[in-house]
Amino acid sequence: MSNDENDNSRKLGQQRELFKKLDNISISVNQMQDYFEEILELRGFGEQSAKDKLLLLMEEVGELAKALRKKEAVLGIDRSKISSYESVESEIADVAIVLISLCNVLHVNFLEAIIEKEKMNIRRTWN
């Protein structure tokens, strides 16, 4: 077995071990953020910049919009490509994963950011 194959096999084993943590229904948001920091590093995405992550996030939001259009069938859609559009659930997961990875690159605690923002939102007047 070559060094690359050994390395890939080792990374696959590490990813499976990390996934066991994610598969636990009681995982905290902070644990999920830690998980994605580790797993994306193993997958070779650890060196991406905040700009790279933001571009990926926008791409994933676009894919979510396509999946929603496919599901809702309100707007016209290219039916020849419809099978390549993922489910809404899958695309929401992709958006969340990339958003969390952007938080990691920027050293933002995702949960703390949400809590602090909600503290401000509670004081706002919503019409």
N, C-alpha and C. Protein backbone atom coordinates (compact mmCIF):
# COMPACT_ATOMS: atom_id res chain seq x y z
N MET A 1 0.86 -1.18 0.00
CA MET A 1 0.00 0.00 0.00
C MET A 1 0.90 1.24 0.00
N SER A 2 0.59 2.23 -0.85
CA SER A 2 1.40 3.43 -0.95
C SER A 2 1.16 4.34 0.25
N ASN A 3 2.03 5.34 0.39
CA ASN A 3 1.88 6.30 1.48
C ASN A 3 0.57 7.06 1.37
N ASP A 4 0.17 7.42 0.13
CA ASP A 4 -1.10 8.13 -0.08
C ASP A 4 -2.28 7.27 0.34
N GLU A 5 -2.23 5.98 -0.01
CA GLU A 5 -3.32 5.07 0.36
C GLU A 5 -3.37 4.89 1.87
N ASN A 6 -2.21 4.78 2.52
CA ASN A 6 -2.16 4.67 3.99
C ASN A 6 -2.73 5.92 4.64
N ASP A 7 -2.34 7.08 4.09
CA ASP A 7 -2.82 8.35 4.63
C ASP A 7 -4.33 8.46 4.46
N ASN A 8 -4.84 8.09 3.28
CA ASN A 8 -6.29 8.14 3.03
C ASN A 8 -7.04 7.19 3.95
N SER A 9 -6.49 6.01 4.17
CA SER A 9 -7.11 5.03 5.05
C SER A 9 -7.15 5.55 6.49
N ARG A 10 -6.04 6.15 6.92
CA ARG A 10 -5.97 6.72 8.27
C ARG A 10 -7.00 7.85 8.43
N LYS A 11 -7.08 8.72 7.43
CA LYS A 11 -8.03 9.83 7.48
C LYS A 11 -9.47 9.33 7.50
N LEU A 12 -9.75 8.29 6.72
CA LEU A 12 -11.09 7.71 6.71
C LEU A 12 -11.45 7.19 8.09
N GLY A 13 -10.52 6.49 8.73
CA GLY A 13 -10.75 6.00 10.10
C GLY A 13 -10.99 7.13 11.07
N GLN A 14 -10.21 8.21 10.95
CA GLN A 14 -10.38 9.37 11.83
C GLN A 14 -11.75 10.02 11.61
N GLN A 15 -12.16 10.10 10.34
CA GLN A 15 -13.46 10.70 10.04
C GLN A 15 -14.59 9.88 10.63
N ARG A 16 -14.46 8.57 10.54
CA ARG A 16 -15.50 7.69 11.10
C ARG A 16 -15.59 7.85 12.62
N GLU A 17 -14.44 7.98 13.27
CA GLU A 17 -14.43 8.17 14.73
C GLU A 17 -15.06 9.52 15.10
N LEU A 18 -14.74 10.54 14.35
CA LEU A 18 -15.32 11.86 14.61
C LEU A 18 -16.82 11.84 14.37
N PHE A 19 -17.27 11.12 13.33
CA PHE A 19 -18.69 11.07 13.02
C PHE A 19 -19.48 10.44 14.16
N LYS A 20 -18.89 9.50 14.87
CA LYS A 20 -19.58 8.88 16.01
C LYS A 20 -19.99 9.94 17.02
N LYS A 21 -19.16 10.97 17.18
CA LYS A 21 -19.50 12.08 18.09
C LYS A 21 -20.68 12.86 17.55
N LEU A 22 -20.68 13.11 16.24
CA LEU A 22 -21.76 13.88 15.62
C LEU A 22 -23.07 13.10 15.63
N ASP A 23 -22.99 11.80 15.51
CA ASP A 23 -24.17 10.95 15.42
C ASP A 23 -24.92 10.89 16.74
N ASN A 24 -24.31 11.36 17.82
CA ASN A 24 -24.95 11.39 19.13
C ASN A 24 -25.96 12.54 19.14
N ILE A 25 -27.21 12.24 19.34
CA ILE A 25 -28.29 13.22 19.23
C ILE A 25 -28.15 14.37 20.24
N SER A 26 -27.42 14.14 21.32
CA SER A 26 -27.31 15.16 22.35
C SER A 26 -26.07 16.04 22.17
N ILE A 27 -25.47 16.02 20.99
CA ILE A 27 -24.29 16.84 20.74
C ILE A 27 -24.63 18.32 20.88
N SER A 28 -23.73 19.08 21.46
CA SER A 28 -23.96 20.51 21.62
C SER A 28 -23.53 21.25 20.35
N VAL A 29 -23.97 22.47 20.23
CA VAL A 29 -23.58 23.29 19.08
C VAL A 29 -22.07 23.48 19.07
N ASN A 30 -21.48 23.71 20.24
CA ASN A 30 -20.02 23.88 20.30
C ASN A 30 -19.29 22.61 19.88
N GLN A 31 -19.80 21.46 20.27
CA GLN A 31 -19.19 20.21 19.86
C GLN A 31 -19.31 20.03 18.34
N MET A 32 -20.45 20.43 17.78
CA MET A 32 -20.64 20.34 16.35
C MET A 32 -19.64 21.25 15.63
N GLN A 33 -19.43 22.45 16.16
CA GLN A 33 -18.47 23.37 15.55
C GLN A 33 -17.07 22.77 15.61
N ASP A 34 -16.70 22.18 16.74
CA ASP A 34 -15.40 21.52 16.87
C ASP A 34 -15.27 20.36 15.88
N TYR A 35 -16.34 19.58 15.75
CA TYR A 35 -16.35 18.45 14.83
C TYR A 35 -16.02 18.90 13.41
N PHE A 36 -16.71 19.94 12.95
CA PHE A 36 -16.50 20.39 11.57
C PHE A 36 -15.12 21.00 11.38
N GLU A 37 -14.57 21.60 12.41
CA GLU A 37 -13.20 22.11 12.28
C GLU A 37 -12.24 20.95 12.04
N GLU A 38 -12.38 19.88 12.79
CA GLU A 38 -11.51 18.71 12.64
C GLU A 38 -11.76 17.97 11.33
N ILE A 39 -13.01 17.72 11.01
CA ILE A 39 -13.33 16.89 9.85
C ILE A 39 -12.97 17.59 8.54
N LEU A 40 -13.19 18.90 8.49
CA LEU A 40 -12.86 19.63 7.27
C LEU A 40 -11.35 19.75 7.08
N GLU A 41 -10.61 19.78 8.17
CA GLU A 41 -9.15 19.74 8.08
C GLU A 41 -8.71 18.40 7.49
N LEU A 42 -9.30 17.32 7.98
CA LEU A 42 -8.97 15.99 7.45
C LEU A 42 -9.31 15.85 5.97
N ARG A 43 -10.35 16.52 5.55
CA ARG A 43 -10.78 16.43 4.15
C ARG A 43 -10.01 17.37 3.23
N GLY A 44 -9.08 18.15 3.81
CA GLY A 44 -8.24 19.03 3.00
C GLY A 44 -8.76 20.43 2.82
N PHE A 45 -9.73 20.84 3.63
CA PHE A 45 -10.30 22.18 3.51
C PHE A 45 -9.84 23.12 4.62
N GLY A 46 -8.82 22.74 5.35
CA GLY A 46 -8.37 23.51 6.50
C GLY A 46 -7.68 24.82 6.16
N GLU A 47 -7.19 24.94 4.96
CA GLU A 47 -6.45 26.15 4.58
C GLU A 47 -7.30 27.18 3.86
N GLN A 48 -8.60 26.93 3.73
CA GLN A 48 -9.45 27.88 3.02
C GLN A 48 -9.61 29.16 3.83
N SER A 49 -9.60 30.28 3.12
CA SER A 49 -9.74 31.59 3.75
C SER A 49 -11.21 31.89 4.03
N ALA A 50 -11.44 32.98 4.75
CA ALA A 50 -12.81 33.43 5.00
C ALA A 50 -13.50 33.75 3.67
N LYS A 51 -12.76 34.34 2.74
CA LYS A 51 -13.32 34.66 1.42
C LYS A 51 -13.74 33.37 0.71
N ASP A 52 -12.88 32.34 0.76
CA ASP A 52 -13.22 31.06 0.15
C ASP A 52 -14.50 30.50 0.75
N LYS A 53 -14.59 30.55 2.09
CA LYS A 53 -15.76 30.00 2.78
C LYS A 53 -17.02 30.79 2.41
N LEU A 54 -16.89 32.11 2.32
CA LEU A 54 -18.06 32.93 1.97
C LEU A 54 -18.53 32.61 0.55
N LEU A 55 -17.61 32.44 -0.38
CA LEU A 55 -17.99 32.07 -1.74
C LEU A 55 -18.69 30.71 -1.76
N LEU A 56 -18.15 29.76 -0.99
CA LEU A 56 -18.80 28.44 -0.88
C LEU A 56 -20.19 28.56 -0.27
N LEU A 57 -20.31 29.41 0.74
CA LEU A 57 -21.61 29.60 1.39
C LEU A 57 -22.64 30.13 0.39
N MET A 58 -22.23 31.10 -0.39
CA MET A 58 -23.16 31.67 -1.39
C MET A 58 -23.55 30.61 -2.42
N GLU A 59 -22.59 29.78 -2.81
CA GLU A 59 -22.89 28.70 -3.75
C GLU A 59 -23.90 27.72 -3.16
N GLU A 60 -23.70 27.37 -1.89
CA GLU A 60 -24.61 26.43 -1.23
C GLU A 60 -26.00 27.03 -1.05
N VAL A 61 -26.07 28.32 -0.78
CA VAL A 61 -27.39 28.97 -0.66
C VAL A 61 -28.10 28.93 -2.01
N GLY A 62 -27.34 29.11 -3.10
CA GLY A 62 -27.92 28.99 -4.44
C GLY A 62 -28.44 27.58 -4.70
N GLU A 63 -27.69 26.57 -4.26
CA GLU A 63 -28.14 25.20 -4.43
C GLU A 63 -29.38 24.91 -3.59
N LEU A 64 -29.46 25.53 -2.43
CA LEU A 64 -30.66 25.40 -1.60
C LEU A 64 -31.86 26.01 -2.33
N ALA A 65 -31.65 27.16 -2.95
CA ALA A 65 -32.74 27.80 -3.71
C ALA A 65 -33.20 26.89 -4.85
N LYS A 66 -32.25 26.26 -5.55
CA LYS A 66 -32.61 25.32 -6.63
C LYS A 66 -33.43 24.15 -6.08
N ALA A 67 -32.98 23.60 -4.96
CA ALA A 67 -33.69 22.46 -4.37
C ALA A 67 -35.10 22.86 -3.96
N LEU A 68 -35.25 24.07 -3.43
CA LEU A 68 -36.58 24.55 -3.03
C LEU A 68 -37.47 24.76 -4.25
N ARG A 69 -36.88 25.31 -5.31
CA ARG A 69 -37.64 25.47 -6.56
C ARG A 69 -38.09 24.13 -7.08
N LYS A 70 -37.22 23.13 -6.99
CA LYS A 70 -37.57 21.77 -7.45
C LYS A 70 -38.74 21.24 -6.63
N LYS A 71 -38.69 21.46 -5.32
CA LYS A 71 -39.73 20.93 -4.43
C LYS A 71 -41.05 21.68 -4.61
N GLU A 72 -40.98 22.99 -4.72
CA GLU A 72 -42.19 23.82 -4.78
C GLU A 72 -42.79 23.88 -6.19
N ALA A 73 -41.96 23.74 -7.19
CA ALA A 73 -42.40 23.77 -8.59
C ALA A 73 -43.21 25.03 -8.91
N VAL A 74 -42.83 26.15 -8.30
CA VAL A 74 -43.53 27.41 -8.55
C VAL A 74 -42.92 28.14 -9.74
N LEU A 75 -41.60 28.20 -9.76
CA LEU A 75 -40.90 28.87 -10.85
C LEU A 75 -40.43 27.84 -11.86
N GLY A 76 -40.18 28.29 -13.06
CA GLY A 76 -39.65 27.38 -14.07
C GLY A 76 -38.29 26.85 -13.67
N ILE A 77 -38.01 25.62 -14.05
CA ILE A 77 -36.74 24.99 -13.72
C ILE A 77 -36.32 24.10 -14.87
N ASP A 78 -35.03 23.99 -15.09
CA ASP A 78 -34.49 23.16 -16.16
C ASP A 78 -34.73 21.69 -15.81
N ARG A 79 -35.76 21.11 -16.40
CA ARG A 79 -36.15 19.72 -16.08
C ARG A 79 -35.09 18.70 -16.49
N SER A 80 -34.22 19.05 -17.45
CA SER A 80 -33.18 18.11 -17.88
C SER A 80 -32.10 17.94 -16.81
N LYS A 81 -32.02 18.89 -15.87
CA LYS A 81 -31.01 18.83 -14.81
C LYS A 81 -31.62 18.56 -13.44
N ILE A 82 -32.92 18.36 -13.38
CA ILE A 82 -33.61 18.28 -12.10
C ILE A 82 -33.09 17.16 -11.21
N SER A 83 -32.64 16.07 -11.81
CA SER A 83 -32.15 14.96 -10.99
C SER A 83 -30.84 15.31 -10.28
N SER A 84 -30.13 16.32 -10.76
CA SER A 84 -28.87 16.70 -10.11
C SER A 84 -29.09 17.64 -8.93
N TYR A 85 -30.30 18.15 -8.76
CA TYR A 85 -30.58 19.03 -7.63
C TYR A 85 -30.87 18.20 -6.40
N GLU A 86 -30.16 18.47 -5.33
CA GLU A 86 -30.31 17.72 -4.09
C GLU A 86 -31.61 18.10 -3.39
N SER A 87 -31.87 17.40 -2.28
CA SER A 87 -33.06 17.69 -1.49
C SER A 87 -32.85 18.97 -0.68
N VAL A 88 -33.95 19.58 -0.28
CA VAL A 88 -33.89 20.78 0.55
C VAL A 88 -33.11 20.48 1.84
N GLU A 89 -33.38 19.33 2.45
CA GLU A 89 -32.70 18.97 3.71
C GLU A 89 -31.19 18.87 3.51
N SER A 90 -30.78 18.25 2.41
CA SER A 90 -29.35 18.10 2.12
C SER A 90 -28.68 19.45 1.91
N GLU A 91 -29.36 20.33 1.21
CA GLU A 91 -28.78 21.65 0.94
C GLU A 91 -28.76 22.52 2.19
N ILE A 92 -29.77 22.40 3.04
CA ILE A 92 -29.74 23.14 4.32
C ILE A 92 -28.55 22.67 5.15
N ALA A 93 -28.30 21.37 5.15
CA ALA A 93 -27.14 20.84 5.87
C ALA A 93 -25.85 21.41 5.30
N ASP A 94 -25.73 21.47 3.97
CA ASP A 94 -24.53 22.03 3.35
C ASP A 94 -24.33 23.49 3.75
N VAL A 95 -25.42 24.27 3.74
CA VAL A 95 -25.33 25.68 4.14
C VAL A 95 -24.84 25.78 5.58
N ALA A 96 -25.39 24.98 6.47
CA ALA A 96 -24.99 25.02 7.88
C ALA A 96 -23.52 24.63 8.05
N ILE A 97 -23.09 23.58 7.34
CA ILE A 97 -21.70 23.13 7.45
C ILE A 97 -20.74 24.23 7.00
N VAL A 98 -21.03 24.86 5.88
CA VAL A 98 -20.14 25.91 5.39
C VAL A 98 -20.19 27.13 6.30
N LEU A 99 -21.36 27.48 6.81
CA LEU A 99 -21.47 28.61 7.74
C LEU A 99 -20.65 28.34 9.01
N ILE A 100 -20.76 27.15 9.54
CA ILE A 100 -19.98 26.80 10.74
C ILE A 100 -18.49 26.83 10.43
N SER A 101 -18.10 26.35 9.25
CA SER A 101 -16.68 26.38 8.91
C SER A 101 -16.18 27.81 8.73
N LEU A 102 -17.03 28.70 8.25
CA LEU A 102 -16.68 30.12 8.17
C LEU A 102 -16.46 30.69 9.57
N CYS A 103 -17.32 30.32 10.49
CA CYS A 103 -17.14 30.73 11.89
C CYS A 103 -15.79 30.27 12.42
N ASN A 104 -15.41 29.05 12.09
CA ASN A 104 -14.13 28.52 12.56
C ASN A 104 -12.96 29.31 12.01
N VAL A 105 -13.00 29.63 10.72
CA VAL A 105 -11.91 30.40 10.10
C VAL A 105 -11.80 31.78 10.75
N LEU A 106 -12.94 32.36 11.09
CA LEU A 106 -12.96 33.71 11.69
C LEU A 106 -12.84 33.69 13.22
N HIS A 107 -12.70 32.49 13.78
CA HIS A 107 -12.60 32.31 15.24
C HIS A 107 -13.82 32.89 15.96
N VAL A 108 -14.99 32.61 15.40
CA VAL A 108 -16.26 33.04 15.97
C VAL A 108 -16.94 31.82 16.58
N ASN A 109 -17.33 31.92 17.83
CA ASN A 109 -18.10 30.85 18.46
C ASN A 109 -19.54 31.01 17.97
N PHE A 110 -19.99 30.06 17.16
CA PHE A 110 -21.30 30.13 16.52
C PHE A 110 -22.42 30.31 17.54
N LEU A 111 -22.43 29.49 18.59
CA LEU A 111 -23.48 29.57 19.59
C LEU A 111 -23.46 30.91 20.32
N GLU A 112 -22.28 31.35 20.74
CA GLU A 112 -22.20 32.64 21.43
C GLU A 112 -22.66 33.79 20.55
N ALA A 113 -22.32 33.74 19.25
CA ALA A 113 -22.76 34.78 18.33
C ALA A 113 -24.28 34.83 18.23
N ILE A 114 -24.90 33.65 18.17
CA ILE A 114 -26.36 33.60 18.10
C ILE A 114 -26.99 34.13 19.39
N ILE A 115 -26.45 33.73 20.52
CA ILE A 115 -26.99 34.19 21.81
C ILE A 115 -26.87 35.71 21.93
N GLU A 116 -25.70 36.24 21.58
CA GLU A 116 -25.51 37.70 21.68
C GLU A 116 -26.45 38.43 20.73
N LYS A 117 -26.63 37.90 19.53
CA LYS A 117 -27.53 38.55 18.57
C LYS A 117 -28.97 38.48 19.06
N GLU A 118 -29.36 37.36 19.64
CA GLU A 118 -30.73 37.25 20.17
C GLU A 118 -30.96 38.21 21.34
N LYS A 119 -29.94 38.46 22.14
CA LYS A 119 -30.08 39.45 23.21
C LYS A 119 -30.43 40.81 22.63
N MET A 120 -29.82 41.15 21.49
CA MET A 120 -30.14 42.42 20.81
C MET A 120 -31.52 42.35 20.17
N ASN A 121 -31.84 41.22 19.55
CA ASN A 121 -33.14 41.08 18.87
C ASN A 121 -34.31 41.18 19.84
N ILE A 122 -34.12 40.67 21.04
CA ILE A 122 -35.19 40.71 22.04
C ILE A 122 -35.59 42.14 22.36
N ARG A 123 -34.62 43.05 22.33
CA ARG A 123 -34.89 44.46 22.66
C ARG A 123 -35.44 45.25 21.48
N ARG A 124 -35.44 44.63 20.28
CA ARG A 124 -35.93 45.34 19.10
C ARG A 124 -37.45 45.27 19.01
N THR A 125 -38.01 46.21 18.30
CA THR A 125 -39.43 46.23 18.04
C THR A 125 -39.66 45.65 16.65
N TRP A 126 -40.49 44.62 16.59
CA TRP A 126 -40.77 43.95 15.32
C TRP A 126 -42.20 44.29 14.89
N ASN A 127 -42.35 44.79 13.70
CA ASN A 127 -43.68 45.17 13.20
C ASN A 127 -44.30 44.03 12.44
